[in-house]
Amino acid sequence: MPPKVLAYIDGASRGNPGPAAAGFVLKDATGVQLQAKALYLGEATNNAAEYTGLIKALEAASQLEAAHITIFSDSELLVKQMVGQYRVKSEHIRPFFQQAISLLDGFEDYQIQHIPREQNKEADALANAALKRPAP
């Protein structure tokens, strides 16, 4: 049971909407990888893919019984929406946002931080790999 988990998330879409995928990497506080996953999503928007990466990472961290989570994303829009700086105007994205907020309520505390794409290479690579090799 890791008390603190670091989650690196990403989503990708070829077209908007178009073939989409998400990826996440969970690490413990010392940087040891706990889990990594690539998910092919089918047709979706880039924002839906980004939120799916977040939701799947939160579900996985919850399964690990993490108490604290810090989420890193290179999606400025997702981060600003999740921290309340931007409103979620899209009716299509609102259910993803609400599900993410609900999942975050299961943690003792959380942080969400925007990072440059260069610092999110692992999650980005997973999302792009899933786009190249969709599930049958």
N, C-alpha and C. Protein backbone atom coordinates (compact mmCIF):
# COMPACT_ATOMS: atom_id res chain seq x y z
N MET A 1 0.83 -1.19 0.00
CA MET A 1 0.00 0.00 0.00
C MET A 1 0.87 1.26 0.00
N PRO A 2 1.07 1.86 -1.16
CA PRO A 2 1.85 3.10 -1.17
C PRO A 2 1.02 4.26 -0.62
N PRO A 3 1.53 4.98 0.37
CA PRO A 3 0.76 6.10 0.90
C PRO A 3 0.67 7.25 -0.11
N LYS A 4 1.72 7.43 -0.94
CA LYS A 4 1.71 8.52 -1.91
C LYS A 4 2.06 7.96 -3.28
N VAL A 5 1.27 8.38 -4.27
CA VAL A 5 1.49 7.95 -5.64
C VAL A 5 1.64 9.18 -6.52
N LEU A 6 2.58 9.09 -7.45
CA LEU A 6 2.76 10.11 -8.49
C LEU A 6 2.17 9.53 -9.77
N ALA A 7 1.29 10.27 -10.41
CA ALA A 7 0.63 9.80 -11.63
C ALA A 7 0.98 10.73 -12.78
N TYR A 8 1.54 10.16 -13.84
CA TYR A 8 1.83 10.88 -15.07
C TYR A 8 0.80 10.41 -16.09
N ILE A 9 0.05 11.35 -16.65
CA ILE A 9 -1.06 10.99 -17.54
C ILE A 9 -0.93 11.68 -18.89
N ASP A 10 -1.50 11.06 -19.93
CA ASP A 10 -1.52 11.69 -21.23
C ASP A 10 -2.63 11.08 -22.08
N GLY A 11 -3.06 11.82 -23.05
CA GLY A 11 -4.03 11.37 -24.03
C GLY A 11 -3.61 11.86 -25.39
N ALA A 12 -4.03 11.14 -26.43
CA ALA A 12 -3.67 11.53 -27.79
C ALA A 12 -4.82 11.19 -28.72
N SER A 13 -4.96 12.02 -29.75
CA SER A 13 -6.00 11.79 -30.75
C SER A 13 -5.44 12.20 -32.11
N ARG A 14 -5.65 11.36 -33.10
CA ARG A 14 -5.25 11.67 -34.48
C ARG A 14 -6.48 12.17 -35.21
N GLY A 15 -6.67 13.46 -35.15
CA GLY A 15 -7.91 14.07 -35.60
C GLY A 15 -8.67 14.47 -34.35
N ASN A 16 -9.65 15.29 -34.49
CA ASN A 16 -10.35 15.75 -33.28
C ASN A 16 -11.84 15.89 -33.57
N PRO A 17 -12.63 14.83 -33.53
CA PRO A 17 -12.27 13.51 -33.02
C PRO A 17 -11.56 12.66 -34.07
N GLY A 18 -11.00 11.57 -33.57
CA GLY A 18 -10.30 10.61 -34.42
C GLY A 18 -9.85 9.46 -33.55
N PRO A 19 -9.06 8.55 -34.10
CA PRO A 19 -8.53 7.47 -33.29
C PRO A 19 -7.81 8.06 -32.08
N ALA A 20 -8.11 7.54 -30.90
CA ALA A 20 -7.57 8.13 -29.67
C ALA A 20 -7.05 7.06 -28.73
N ALA A 21 -6.18 7.50 -27.83
CA ALA A 21 -5.59 6.60 -26.84
C ALA A 21 -5.18 7.40 -25.63
N ALA A 22 -4.94 6.70 -24.54
CA ALA A 22 -4.49 7.32 -23.30
C ALA A 22 -3.41 6.45 -22.68
N GLY A 23 -2.63 7.06 -21.83
CA GLY A 23 -1.62 6.31 -21.11
C GLY A 23 -1.38 6.93 -19.76
N PHE A 24 -0.92 6.10 -18.82
CA PHE A 24 -0.54 6.63 -17.51
C PHE A 24 0.57 5.79 -16.91
N VAL A 25 1.33 6.44 -16.06
CA VAL A 25 2.39 5.78 -15.31
C VAL A 25 2.20 6.17 -13.85
N LEU A 26 2.17 5.19 -12.97
CA LEU A 26 2.11 5.44 -11.54
C LEU A 26 3.46 5.09 -10.93
N LYS A 27 3.94 5.98 -10.07
CA LYS A 27 5.21 5.78 -9.37
C LYS A 27 5.01 6.02 -7.89
N ASP A 28 5.88 5.41 -7.09
CA ASP A 28 5.84 5.72 -5.66
C ASP A 28 6.63 7.00 -5.42
N ALA A 29 6.68 7.43 -4.18
CA ALA A 29 7.32 8.71 -3.84
C ALA A 29 8.81 8.73 -4.17
N THR A 30 9.43 7.56 -4.29
CA THR A 30 10.87 7.51 -4.61
C THR A 30 11.11 7.42 -6.11
N GLY A 31 10.03 7.34 -6.91
CA GLY A 31 10.17 7.28 -8.35
C GLY A 31 10.14 5.87 -8.92
N VAL A 32 9.92 4.87 -8.10
CA VAL A 32 9.82 3.49 -8.58
C VAL A 32 8.47 3.30 -9.26
N GLN A 33 8.50 2.76 -10.48
CA GLN A 33 7.26 2.54 -11.22
C GLN A 33 6.43 1.43 -10.56
N LEU A 34 5.16 1.75 -10.33
CA LEU A 34 4.22 0.80 -9.76
C LEU A 34 3.34 0.16 -10.82
N GLN A 35 2.98 0.96 -11.82
CA GLN A 35 2.09 0.48 -12.87
C GLN A 35 2.20 1.42 -14.06
N ALA A 36 2.01 0.88 -15.25
CA ALA A 36 1.96 1.68 -16.47
C ALA A 36 0.95 1.02 -17.39
N LYS A 37 0.20 1.83 -18.09
CA LYS A 37 -0.84 1.26 -18.95
C LYS A 37 -1.05 2.13 -20.17
N ALA A 38 -1.26 1.48 -21.30
CA ALA A 38 -1.63 2.13 -22.55
C ALA A 38 -3.01 1.65 -22.93
N LEU A 39 -3.89 2.56 -23.33
CA LEU A 39 -5.28 2.21 -23.63
C LEU A 39 -5.71 2.78 -24.97
N TYR A 40 -6.13 1.92 -25.89
CA TYR A 40 -6.71 2.39 -27.13
C TYR A 40 -8.18 2.69 -26.87
N LEU A 41 -8.67 3.85 -27.29
CA LEU A 41 -10.02 4.29 -26.96
C LEU A 41 -11.00 4.26 -28.12
N GLY A 42 -10.51 4.06 -29.33
CA GLY A 42 -11.39 4.18 -30.50
C GLY A 42 -11.51 5.65 -30.87
N GLU A 43 -12.64 6.05 -31.39
CA GLU A 43 -12.84 7.44 -31.82
C GLU A 43 -13.18 8.33 -30.62
N ALA A 44 -12.39 9.37 -30.43
CA ALA A 44 -12.61 10.31 -29.32
C ALA A 44 -11.86 11.60 -29.62
N THR A 45 -12.21 12.63 -28.86
CA THR A 45 -11.49 13.90 -28.96
C THR A 45 -10.22 13.82 -28.12
N ASN A 46 -9.32 14.74 -28.36
CA ASN A 46 -8.09 14.79 -27.57
C ASN A 46 -8.40 15.04 -26.09
N ASN A 47 -9.35 15.95 -25.82
CA ASN A 47 -9.70 16.24 -24.42
C ASN A 47 -10.29 15.01 -23.73
N ALA A 48 -11.13 14.26 -24.44
CA ALA A 48 -11.69 13.04 -23.86
C ALA A 48 -10.57 12.04 -23.57
N ALA A 49 -9.58 11.96 -24.45
CA ALA A 49 -8.44 11.05 -24.23
C ALA A 49 -7.63 11.49 -23.02
N GLU A 50 -7.40 12.79 -22.87
CA GLU A 50 -6.66 13.29 -21.72
C GLU A 50 -7.40 12.95 -20.42
N TYR A 51 -8.69 13.19 -20.38
CA TYR A 51 -9.48 12.90 -19.18
C TYR A 51 -9.54 11.39 -18.91
N THR A 52 -9.60 10.58 -19.96
CA THR A 52 -9.61 9.14 -19.77
C THR A 52 -8.29 8.68 -19.12
N GLY A 53 -7.18 9.26 -19.56
CA GLY A 53 -5.89 8.95 -18.92
C GLY A 53 -5.92 9.28 -17.43
N LEU A 54 -6.50 10.43 -17.09
CA LEU A 54 -6.63 10.84 -15.69
C LEU A 54 -7.50 9.86 -14.91
N ILE A 55 -8.66 9.55 -15.45
CA ILE A 55 -9.61 8.66 -14.75
C ILE A 55 -9.00 7.28 -14.53
N LYS A 56 -8.38 6.73 -15.56
CA LYS A 56 -7.79 5.39 -15.43
C LYS A 56 -6.64 5.39 -14.42
N ALA A 57 -5.85 6.47 -14.38
CA ALA A 57 -4.77 6.57 -13.40
C ALA A 57 -5.34 6.66 -11.99
N LEU A 58 -6.41 7.43 -11.81
CA LEU A 58 -7.03 7.55 -10.49
C LEU A 58 -7.62 6.22 -10.03
N GLU A 59 -8.26 5.51 -10.95
CA GLU A 59 -8.80 4.20 -10.60
C GLU A 59 -7.69 3.24 -10.19
N ALA A 60 -6.59 3.24 -10.93
CA ALA A 60 -5.47 2.34 -10.61
C ALA A 60 -4.83 2.71 -9.27
N ALA A 61 -4.67 4.01 -9.01
CA ALA A 61 -4.09 4.45 -7.73
C ALA A 61 -5.02 4.09 -6.57
N SER A 62 -6.30 4.17 -6.80
CA SER A 62 -7.27 3.78 -5.78
C SER A 62 -7.17 2.29 -5.49
N GLN A 63 -6.99 1.49 -6.53
CA GLN A 63 -6.82 0.04 -6.35
C GLN A 63 -5.57 -0.28 -5.54
N LEU A 64 -4.55 0.57 -5.66
CA LEU A 64 -3.32 0.40 -4.88
C LEU A 64 -3.47 0.92 -3.46
N GLU A 65 -4.65 1.46 -3.15
CA GLU A 65 -4.97 2.02 -1.85
C GLU A 65 -4.07 3.20 -1.47
N ALA A 66 -3.74 4.00 -2.46
CA ALA A 66 -2.96 5.21 -2.21
C ALA A 66 -3.80 6.21 -1.43
N ALA A 67 -3.20 6.89 -0.49
CA ALA A 67 -3.91 7.91 0.29
C ALA A 67 -3.71 9.30 -0.31
N HIS A 68 -2.55 9.52 -0.89
CA HIS A 68 -2.19 10.83 -1.44
C HIS A 68 -1.75 10.63 -2.90
N ILE A 69 -2.15 11.56 -3.75
CA ILE A 69 -1.76 11.45 -5.16
C ILE A 69 -1.38 12.82 -5.70
N THR A 70 -0.33 12.83 -6.49
CA THR A 70 0.05 14.02 -7.25
C THR A 70 -0.01 13.63 -8.72
N ILE A 71 -0.78 14.38 -9.48
CA ILE A 71 -1.01 14.11 -10.89
C ILE A 71 -0.24 15.12 -11.71
N PHE A 72 0.47 14.61 -12.71
CA PHE A 72 1.23 15.45 -13.63
C PHE A 72 0.66 15.26 -15.03
N SER A 73 0.35 16.38 -15.69
CA SER A 73 -0.20 16.34 -17.04
C SER A 73 0.38 17.47 -17.87
N ASP A 74 0.58 17.19 -19.16
CA ASP A 74 1.03 18.26 -20.05
C ASP A 74 -0.15 18.98 -20.72
N SER A 75 -1.38 18.61 -20.31
CA SER A 75 -2.58 19.28 -20.82
C SER A 75 -2.92 20.46 -19.90
N GLU A 76 -2.60 21.65 -20.36
CA GLU A 76 -2.89 22.84 -19.57
C GLU A 76 -4.39 22.99 -19.34
N LEU A 77 -5.19 22.67 -20.36
CA LEU A 77 -6.64 22.79 -20.23
C LEU A 77 -7.16 21.87 -19.11
N LEU A 78 -6.77 20.60 -19.14
CA LEU A 78 -7.23 19.66 -18.12
C LEU A 78 -6.83 20.14 -16.73
N VAL A 79 -5.58 20.53 -16.56
CA VAL A 79 -5.11 20.97 -15.24
C VAL A 79 -5.89 22.18 -14.77
N LYS A 80 -6.06 23.17 -15.64
CA LYS A 80 -6.76 24.38 -15.22
C LYS A 80 -8.24 24.11 -14.94
N GLN A 81 -8.84 23.18 -15.65
CA GLN A 81 -10.22 22.81 -15.35
C GLN A 81 -10.29 22.08 -14.00
N MET A 82 -9.38 21.17 -13.76
CA MET A 82 -9.41 20.37 -12.54
C MET A 82 -9.14 21.22 -11.29
N VAL A 83 -8.34 22.27 -11.41
CA VAL A 83 -8.06 23.11 -10.24
C VAL A 83 -9.02 24.30 -10.14
N GLY A 84 -9.97 24.39 -11.07
CA GLY A 84 -10.99 25.43 -10.98
C GLY A 84 -10.63 26.76 -11.61
N GLN A 85 -9.53 26.84 -12.34
CA GLN A 85 -9.18 28.09 -13.01
C GLN A 85 -10.02 28.30 -14.27
N TYR A 86 -10.39 27.20 -14.93
CA TYR A 86 -11.25 27.26 -16.11
C TYR A 86 -12.52 26.48 -15.81
N ARG A 87 -13.63 26.97 -16.35
CA ARG A 87 -14.89 26.22 -16.26
C ARG A 87 -14.89 25.14 -17.33
N VAL A 88 -15.62 24.08 -17.09
CA VAL A 88 -15.81 23.04 -18.09
C VAL A 88 -17.05 23.41 -18.88
N LYS A 89 -16.85 23.95 -20.07
CA LYS A 89 -17.96 24.42 -20.88
C LYS A 89 -18.54 23.33 -21.76
N SER A 90 -17.72 22.37 -22.13
CA SER A 90 -18.15 21.31 -23.05
C SER A 90 -19.03 20.29 -22.35
N GLU A 91 -20.23 20.10 -22.88
CA GLU A 91 -21.14 19.08 -22.34
C GLU A 91 -20.55 17.69 -22.54
N HIS A 92 -19.73 17.54 -23.56
CA HIS A 92 -19.09 16.25 -23.84
C HIS A 92 -18.03 15.91 -22.78
N ILE A 93 -17.34 16.90 -22.26
CA ILE A 93 -16.26 16.69 -21.30
C ILE A 93 -16.77 16.69 -19.86
N ARG A 94 -17.88 17.34 -19.60
CA ARG A 94 -18.38 17.45 -18.22
C ARG A 94 -18.49 16.11 -17.49
N PRO A 95 -19.00 15.03 -18.11
CA PRO A 95 -19.07 13.75 -17.38
C PRO A 95 -17.68 13.21 -16.99
N PHE A 96 -16.69 13.42 -17.86
CA PHE A 96 -15.32 13.01 -17.53
C PHE A 96 -14.81 13.80 -16.32
N PHE A 97 -15.04 15.10 -16.35
CA PHE A 97 -14.62 15.98 -15.27
C PHE A 97 -15.28 15.55 -13.95
N GLN A 98 -16.58 15.32 -14.00
CA GLN A 98 -17.31 14.94 -12.78
C GLN A 98 -16.83 13.60 -12.24
N GLN A 99 -16.54 12.66 -13.13
CA GLN A 99 -16.03 11.36 -12.68
C GLN A 99 -14.66 11.52 -12.03
N ALA A 100 -13.80 12.35 -12.62
CA ALA A 100 -12.47 12.58 -12.05
C ALA A 100 -12.57 13.22 -10.67
N ILE A 101 -13.44 14.20 -10.51
CA ILE A 101 -13.63 14.85 -9.21
C ILE A 101 -14.13 13.83 -8.19
N SER A 102 -15.06 12.99 -8.60
CA SER A 102 -15.59 11.96 -7.70
C SER A 102 -14.49 11.00 -7.26
N LEU A 103 -13.63 10.59 -8.19
CA LEU A 103 -12.53 9.69 -7.85
C LEU A 103 -11.53 10.36 -6.91
N LEU A 104 -11.26 11.65 -7.13
CA LEU A 104 -10.32 12.38 -6.27
C LEU A 104 -10.82 12.46 -4.84
N ASP A 105 -12.13 12.45 -4.66
CA ASP A 105 -12.71 12.48 -3.31
C ASP A 105 -12.32 11.26 -2.49
N GLY A 106 -11.87 10.19 -3.14
CA GLY A 106 -11.47 8.99 -2.45
C GLY A 106 -10.07 9.05 -1.86
N PHE A 107 -9.34 10.11 -2.14
CA PHE A 107 -7.97 10.27 -1.62
C PHE A 107 -7.98 11.26 -0.46
N GLU A 108 -7.06 11.08 0.48
CA GLU A 108 -6.96 12.03 1.59
C GLU A 108 -6.61 13.42 1.09
N ASP A 109 -5.69 13.49 0.14
CA ASP A 109 -5.38 14.76 -0.51
C ASP A 109 -4.78 14.50 -1.88
N TYR A 110 -4.78 15.53 -2.70
CA TYR A 110 -4.25 15.41 -4.05
C TYR A 110 -3.75 16.76 -4.54
N GLN A 111 -2.89 16.68 -5.53
CA GLN A 111 -2.40 17.86 -6.24
C GLN A 111 -2.42 17.53 -7.72
N ILE A 112 -2.63 18.54 -8.53
CA ILE A 112 -2.59 18.39 -9.98
C ILE A 112 -1.68 19.48 -10.51
N GLN A 113 -0.67 19.08 -11.27
CA GLN A 113 0.32 20.04 -11.75
C GLN A 113 0.51 19.91 -13.25
N HIS A 114 0.64 21.06 -13.90
CA HIS A 114 0.99 21.08 -15.32
C HIS A 114 2.50 20.94 -15.45
N ILE A 115 2.93 20.09 -16.37
CA ILE A 115 4.36 19.93 -16.64
C ILE A 115 4.57 20.03 -18.15
N PRO A 116 5.77 20.41 -18.56
CA PRO A 116 6.06 20.43 -20.00
C PRO A 116 6.03 19.01 -20.58
N ARG A 117 5.72 18.92 -21.85
CA ARG A 117 5.66 17.62 -22.53
C ARG A 117 6.95 16.81 -22.35
N GLU A 118 8.08 17.49 -22.31
CA GLU A 118 9.37 16.80 -22.16
C GLU A 118 9.46 16.04 -20.84
N GLN A 119 8.71 16.47 -19.83
CA GLN A 119 8.73 15.80 -18.53
C GLN A 119 7.65 14.73 -18.41
N ASN A 120 6.94 14.50 -19.51
CA ASN A 120 5.84 13.53 -19.50
C ASN A 120 6.04 12.47 -20.59
N LYS A 121 7.29 12.17 -20.88
CA LYS A 121 7.61 11.29 -22.02
C LYS A 121 7.07 9.88 -21.87
N GLU A 122 7.08 9.34 -20.66
CA GLU A 122 6.64 7.95 -20.48
C GLU A 122 5.14 7.80 -20.78
N ALA A 123 4.32 8.66 -20.22
CA ALA A 123 2.88 8.58 -20.47
C ALA A 123 2.57 8.89 -21.94
N ASP A 124 3.28 9.85 -22.51
CA ASP A 124 3.11 10.21 -23.92
C ASP A 124 3.44 9.01 -24.81
N ALA A 125 4.53 8.32 -24.50
CA ALA A 125 4.93 7.16 -25.30
C ALA A 125 3.90 6.05 -25.22
N LEU A 126 3.32 5.85 -24.04
CA LEU A 126 2.29 4.82 -23.88
C LEU A 126 1.05 5.15 -24.71
N ALA A 127 0.59 6.40 -24.65
CA ALA A 127 -0.58 6.81 -25.43
C ALA A 127 -0.32 6.66 -26.92
N ASN A 128 0.85 7.07 -27.37
CA ASN A 128 1.17 6.95 -28.79
C ASN A 128 1.35 5.50 -29.23
N ALA A 129 1.90 4.66 -28.36
CA ALA A 129 2.02 3.23 -28.68
C ALA A 129 0.65 2.60 -28.85
N ALA A 130 -0.30 2.97 -28.01
CA ALA A 130 -1.65 2.43 -28.10
C ALA A 130 -2.33 2.88 -29.40
N LEU A 131 -2.00 4.08 -29.87
CA LEU A 131 -2.56 4.55 -31.15
C LEU A 131 -2.01 3.73 -32.31
N LYS A 132 -0.76 3.32 -32.21
CA LYS A 132 -0.13 2.57 -33.30
C LYS A 132 -0.58 1.11 -33.33
N ARG A 133 -0.95 0.57 -32.15
CA ARG A 133 -1.36 -0.82 -32.05
C ARG A 133 -2.70 -0.93 -31.34
N PRO A 134 -3.79 -0.56 -32.01
CA PRO A 134 -5.09 -0.63 -31.35
C PRO A 134 -5.43 -2.06 -30.94
N ALA A 135 -6.17 -2.15 -29.86
CA ALA A 135 -6.62 -3.46 -29.38
C ALA A 135 -7.55 -4.09 -30.40
N PRO A 136 -7.52 -5.41 -30.54
CA PRO A 136 -8.39 -6.09 -31.53
C PRO A 136 -9.85 -5.98 -31.17
